[in-house]
Structure formats: C-alpha cells, structure tokens
Amino acid sequence: MQKTALTGMDLFPEIVPFIRDHTIDAIVFQNLKAQAYLACRLLFEQMCYGNMIPRRIYHSKLEIVMSGNLDYFLED
C-alpha cells in the first residue's frame, strides 16, 4: 500500500502546524497580496490617469508549499 499524500489550498495560520508535522504534505499557494496589488494598481491608473485596463487574461503565480520551504512563505 502506498502512502496517501494530503494536499490543500492556501496557506492559513491554522494549518501551519499540520504542514510542519507532515500531516499535510503540500498546499497550493497563491499570493493574495500580489493579486490585490495588481487589481488596485490597474484601477488606480484608470481612475487617476485615464489609462484603460488592457483586455487580457491575468495569471497569478502558483507556489507549492511543503514543510521544507514553509518558512519562506510565512510572514514575520
């Protein structure tokens, strides 16, 4: 029998201990601050400078967080 991997989505403070003790093997993480910054910047430039928001698909970077790289993603 193979070991079952447990994955999740988004990095919430409540699940950090479970990532550290390997109960959760990995999570898929999106930087919500970066997404919000882009949206606010585009809206600001449109409202203040009259720049039209380009019609395109905006992608946000996905990260895989595991116990080995968890500290990199935690805020101080």
N, C-alpha and C. Protein backbone atom coordinates (compact mmCIF):
# COMPACT_ATOMS: atom_id res chain seq x y z
N MET A 1 0.83 -1.16 0.00
CA MET A 1 0.00 0.00 0.00
C MET A 1 0.89 1.25 0.00
N GLN A 2 0.55 2.21 -0.86
CA GLN A 2 1.31 3.45 -0.92
C GLN A 2 0.81 4.45 0.11
N LYS A 3 1.71 5.31 0.51
CA LYS A 3 1.35 6.38 1.43
C LYS A 3 0.46 7.38 0.68
N THR A 4 -0.62 7.78 1.30
CA THR A 4 -1.53 8.75 0.71
C THR A 4 -1.03 10.16 0.99
N ALA A 5 -0.90 10.96 -0.06
CA ALA A 5 -0.48 12.35 0.11
C ALA A 5 -1.71 13.21 0.38
N LEU A 6 -1.59 14.10 1.34
CA LEU A 6 -2.67 15.01 1.67
C LEU A 6 -2.26 16.41 1.21
N THR A 7 -3.07 17.00 0.37
CA THR A 7 -2.77 18.34 -0.13
C THR A 7 -3.90 19.29 0.23
N GLY A 8 -3.63 20.56 0.12
CA GLY A 8 -4.64 21.57 0.40
C GLY A 8 -4.41 22.79 -0.45
N MET A 9 -5.16 23.83 -0.16
CA MET A 9 -5.05 25.06 -0.93
C MET A 9 -5.04 26.26 0.01
N ASP A 10 -4.16 27.18 -0.24
CA ASP A 10 -3.97 28.42 0.50
C ASP A 10 -3.33 28.16 1.86
N LEU A 11 -2.53 29.12 2.26
CA LEU A 11 -1.73 28.99 3.48
C LEU A 11 -2.38 29.78 4.61
N PHE A 12 -3.15 29.10 5.42
CA PHE A 12 -3.81 29.70 6.56
C PHE A 12 -3.00 29.39 7.83
N PRO A 13 -2.97 30.32 8.79
CA PRO A 13 -2.20 30.08 10.01
C PRO A 13 -2.62 28.80 10.74
N GLU A 14 -3.89 28.44 10.64
CA GLU A 14 -4.40 27.25 11.35
C GLU A 14 -3.79 25.95 10.84
N ILE A 15 -3.32 25.93 9.60
CA ILE A 15 -2.79 24.67 9.06
C ILE A 15 -1.27 24.58 9.10
N VAL A 16 -0.60 25.67 9.48
CA VAL A 16 0.86 25.66 9.53
C VAL A 16 1.40 24.51 10.39
N PRO A 17 0.86 24.26 11.60
CA PRO A 17 1.39 23.13 12.39
C PRO A 17 1.24 21.78 11.68
N PHE A 18 0.20 21.63 10.89
CA PHE A 18 -0.01 20.36 10.19
C PHE A 18 0.93 20.18 9.01
N ILE A 19 1.38 21.29 8.44
CA ILE A 19 2.41 21.20 7.39
C ILE A 19 3.74 20.87 8.04
N ARG A 20 4.03 21.53 9.17
CA ARG A 20 5.30 21.29 9.88
C ARG A 20 5.45 19.83 10.32
N ASP A 21 4.34 19.23 10.82
CA ASP A 21 4.45 17.84 11.30
C ASP A 21 4.13 16.81 10.22
N HIS A 22 4.02 17.26 8.97
CA HIS A 22 3.82 16.39 7.81
C HIS A 22 2.46 15.72 7.76
N THR A 23 1.49 16.22 8.53
CA THR A 23 0.12 15.72 8.39
C THR A 23 -0.41 16.12 7.02
N ILE A 24 -0.14 17.37 6.63
CA ILE A 24 -0.44 17.85 5.28
C ILE A 24 0.88 17.88 4.54
N ASP A 25 0.93 17.17 3.41
CA ASP A 25 2.18 17.07 2.66
C ASP A 25 2.51 18.33 1.87
N ALA A 26 1.51 18.93 1.27
CA ALA A 26 1.76 20.11 0.43
C ALA A 26 0.47 20.90 0.26
N ILE A 27 0.63 22.18 -0.02
CA ILE A 27 -0.52 23.00 -0.38
C ILE A 27 -0.17 23.82 -1.62
N VAL A 28 -1.18 24.19 -2.35
CA VAL A 28 -1.03 25.09 -3.49
C VAL A 28 -1.33 26.49 -2.95
N PHE A 29 -0.42 27.41 -3.19
CA PHE A 29 -0.50 28.74 -2.60
C PHE A 29 -0.48 29.81 -3.68
N GLN A 30 -1.38 30.78 -3.56
CA GLN A 30 -1.37 31.96 -4.41
C GLN A 30 -1.17 33.17 -3.49
N ASN A 31 -0.32 34.06 -3.91
CA ASN A 31 -0.04 35.24 -3.12
C ASN A 31 -1.18 36.24 -3.31
N LEU A 32 -2.12 36.28 -2.37
CA LEU A 32 -3.28 37.14 -2.49
C LEU A 32 -2.92 38.61 -2.45
N LYS A 33 -1.85 38.97 -1.73
CA LYS A 33 -1.43 40.37 -1.69
C LYS A 33 -0.97 40.83 -3.06
N ALA A 34 -0.26 39.97 -3.79
CA ALA A 34 0.20 40.34 -5.13
C ALA A 34 -0.99 40.48 -6.08
N GLN A 35 -1.98 39.61 -5.94
CA GLN A 35 -3.17 39.71 -6.79
C GLN A 35 -3.92 41.00 -6.50
N ALA A 36 -4.09 41.33 -5.24
CA ALA A 36 -4.81 42.54 -4.86
C ALA A 36 -4.04 43.78 -5.31
N TYR A 37 -2.72 43.75 -5.21
CA TYR A 37 -1.91 44.89 -5.63
C TYR A 37 -2.12 45.18 -7.11
N LEU A 38 -2.09 44.15 -7.94
CA LEU A 38 -2.26 44.34 -9.38
C LEU A 38 -3.64 44.94 -9.68
N ALA A 39 -4.67 44.40 -9.05
CA ALA A 39 -6.02 44.91 -9.28
C ALA A 39 -6.14 46.37 -8.87
N CYS A 40 -5.59 46.72 -7.71
CA CYS A 40 -5.65 48.11 -7.22
C CYS A 40 -4.84 49.04 -8.11
N ARG A 41 -3.68 48.59 -8.54
CA ARG A 41 -2.84 49.42 -9.41
C ARG A 41 -3.53 49.72 -10.73
N LEU A 42 -4.13 48.69 -11.34
CA LEU A 42 -4.83 48.89 -12.61
C LEU A 42 -6.01 49.85 -12.44
N LEU A 43 -6.77 49.66 -11.37
CA LEU A 43 -7.91 50.54 -11.11
C LEU A 43 -7.46 51.97 -10.83
N PHE A 44 -6.40 52.13 -10.04
CA PHE A 44 -5.86 53.46 -9.74
C PHE A 44 -5.43 54.17 -11.02
N GLU A 45 -4.69 53.47 -11.88
CA GLU A 45 -4.22 54.08 -13.12
C GLU A 45 -5.37 54.47 -14.04
N GLN A 46 -6.44 53.69 -14.01
CA GLN A 46 -7.60 54.04 -14.83
C GLN A 46 -8.31 55.27 -14.25
N MET A 47 -8.52 55.27 -12.95
CA MET A 47 -9.26 56.37 -12.33
C MET A 47 -8.46 57.68 -12.31
N CYS A 48 -7.17 57.60 -12.05
CA CYS A 48 -6.36 58.82 -11.89
C CYS A 48 -5.72 59.32 -13.18
N TYR A 49 -5.36 58.41 -14.06
CA TYR A 49 -4.64 58.80 -15.27
C TYR A 49 -5.42 58.54 -16.55
N GLY A 50 -6.59 57.91 -16.42
CA GLY A 50 -7.39 57.61 -17.60
C GLY A 50 -6.85 56.46 -18.44
N ASN A 51 -5.90 55.69 -17.90
CA ASN A 51 -5.36 54.53 -18.64
C ASN A 51 -6.41 53.43 -18.68
N MET A 52 -6.70 52.93 -19.85
CA MET A 52 -7.64 51.83 -19.97
C MET A 52 -6.98 50.54 -19.51
N ILE A 53 -7.74 49.71 -18.85
CA ILE A 53 -7.22 48.41 -18.41
C ILE A 53 -7.19 47.49 -19.63
N PRO A 54 -6.01 46.98 -19.95
CA PRO A 54 -5.91 46.10 -21.13
C PRO A 54 -6.80 44.87 -20.99
N ARG A 55 -7.48 44.52 -22.06
CA ARG A 55 -8.32 43.31 -22.06
C ARG A 55 -7.42 42.12 -22.36
N ARG A 56 -7.06 41.44 -21.31
CA ARG A 56 -6.26 40.22 -21.43
C ARG A 56 -6.51 39.37 -20.22
N ILE A 57 -6.01 38.19 -20.26
CA ILE A 57 -6.15 37.28 -19.12
C ILE A 57 -4.96 37.50 -18.19
N TYR A 58 -5.24 37.75 -16.94
CA TYR A 58 -4.19 37.96 -15.95
C TYR A 58 -4.01 36.67 -15.16
N HIS A 59 -2.78 36.19 -15.09
CA HIS A 59 -2.47 34.96 -14.37
C HIS A 59 -1.70 35.31 -13.10
N SER A 60 -1.93 34.55 -12.07
CA SER A 60 -1.12 34.72 -10.87
C SER A 60 -0.31 33.46 -10.64
N LYS A 61 0.85 33.66 -10.12
CA LYS A 61 1.81 32.58 -9.91
C LYS A 61 1.32 31.62 -8.82
N LEU A 62 1.45 30.35 -9.05
CA LEU A 62 1.13 29.33 -8.06
C LEU A 62 2.42 28.80 -7.44
N GLU A 63 2.39 28.57 -6.17
CA GLU A 63 3.54 28.01 -5.45
C GLU A 63 3.12 26.72 -4.76
N ILE A 64 4.05 25.81 -4.59
CA ILE A 64 3.82 24.60 -3.81
C ILE A 64 4.57 24.76 -2.49
N VAL A 65 3.83 24.70 -1.39
CA VAL A 65 4.43 24.87 -0.07
C VAL A 65 4.44 23.51 0.64
N MET A 66 5.61 23.15 1.13
CA MET A 66 5.79 21.91 1.88
C MET A 66 6.57 22.25 3.15
N SER A 67 6.76 21.29 4.01
CA SER A 67 7.45 21.57 5.27
C SER A 67 8.86 22.12 5.03
N GLY A 68 9.51 21.68 3.98
CA GLY A 68 10.87 22.12 3.70
C GLY A 68 11.01 23.57 3.28
N ASN A 69 9.97 24.15 2.69
CA ASN A 69 10.05 25.54 2.26
C ASN A 69 9.01 26.42 2.94
N LEU A 70 8.36 25.92 3.96
CA LEU A 70 7.28 26.64 4.63
C LEU A 70 7.72 27.99 5.18
N ASP A 71 8.88 28.05 5.82
CA ASP A 71 9.33 29.29 6.46
C ASP A 71 9.50 30.41 5.44
N TYR A 72 9.82 30.09 4.21
CA TYR A 72 9.98 31.08 3.16
C TYR A 72 8.66 31.84 2.92
N PHE A 73 7.53 31.18 3.08
CA PHE A 73 6.24 31.77 2.78
C PHE A 73 5.55 32.40 3.99
N LEU A 74 6.08 32.20 5.16
CA LEU A 74 5.48 32.77 6.37
C LEU A 74 5.96 34.19 6.57
N GLU A 75 5.04 35.07 6.96
CA GLU A 75 5.41 36.45 7.24
C GLU A 75 5.93 36.53 8.66
N ASP A 76 6.87 37.41 8.85
CA ASP A 76 7.46 37.60 10.19
C ASP A 76 6.51 38.30 11.11
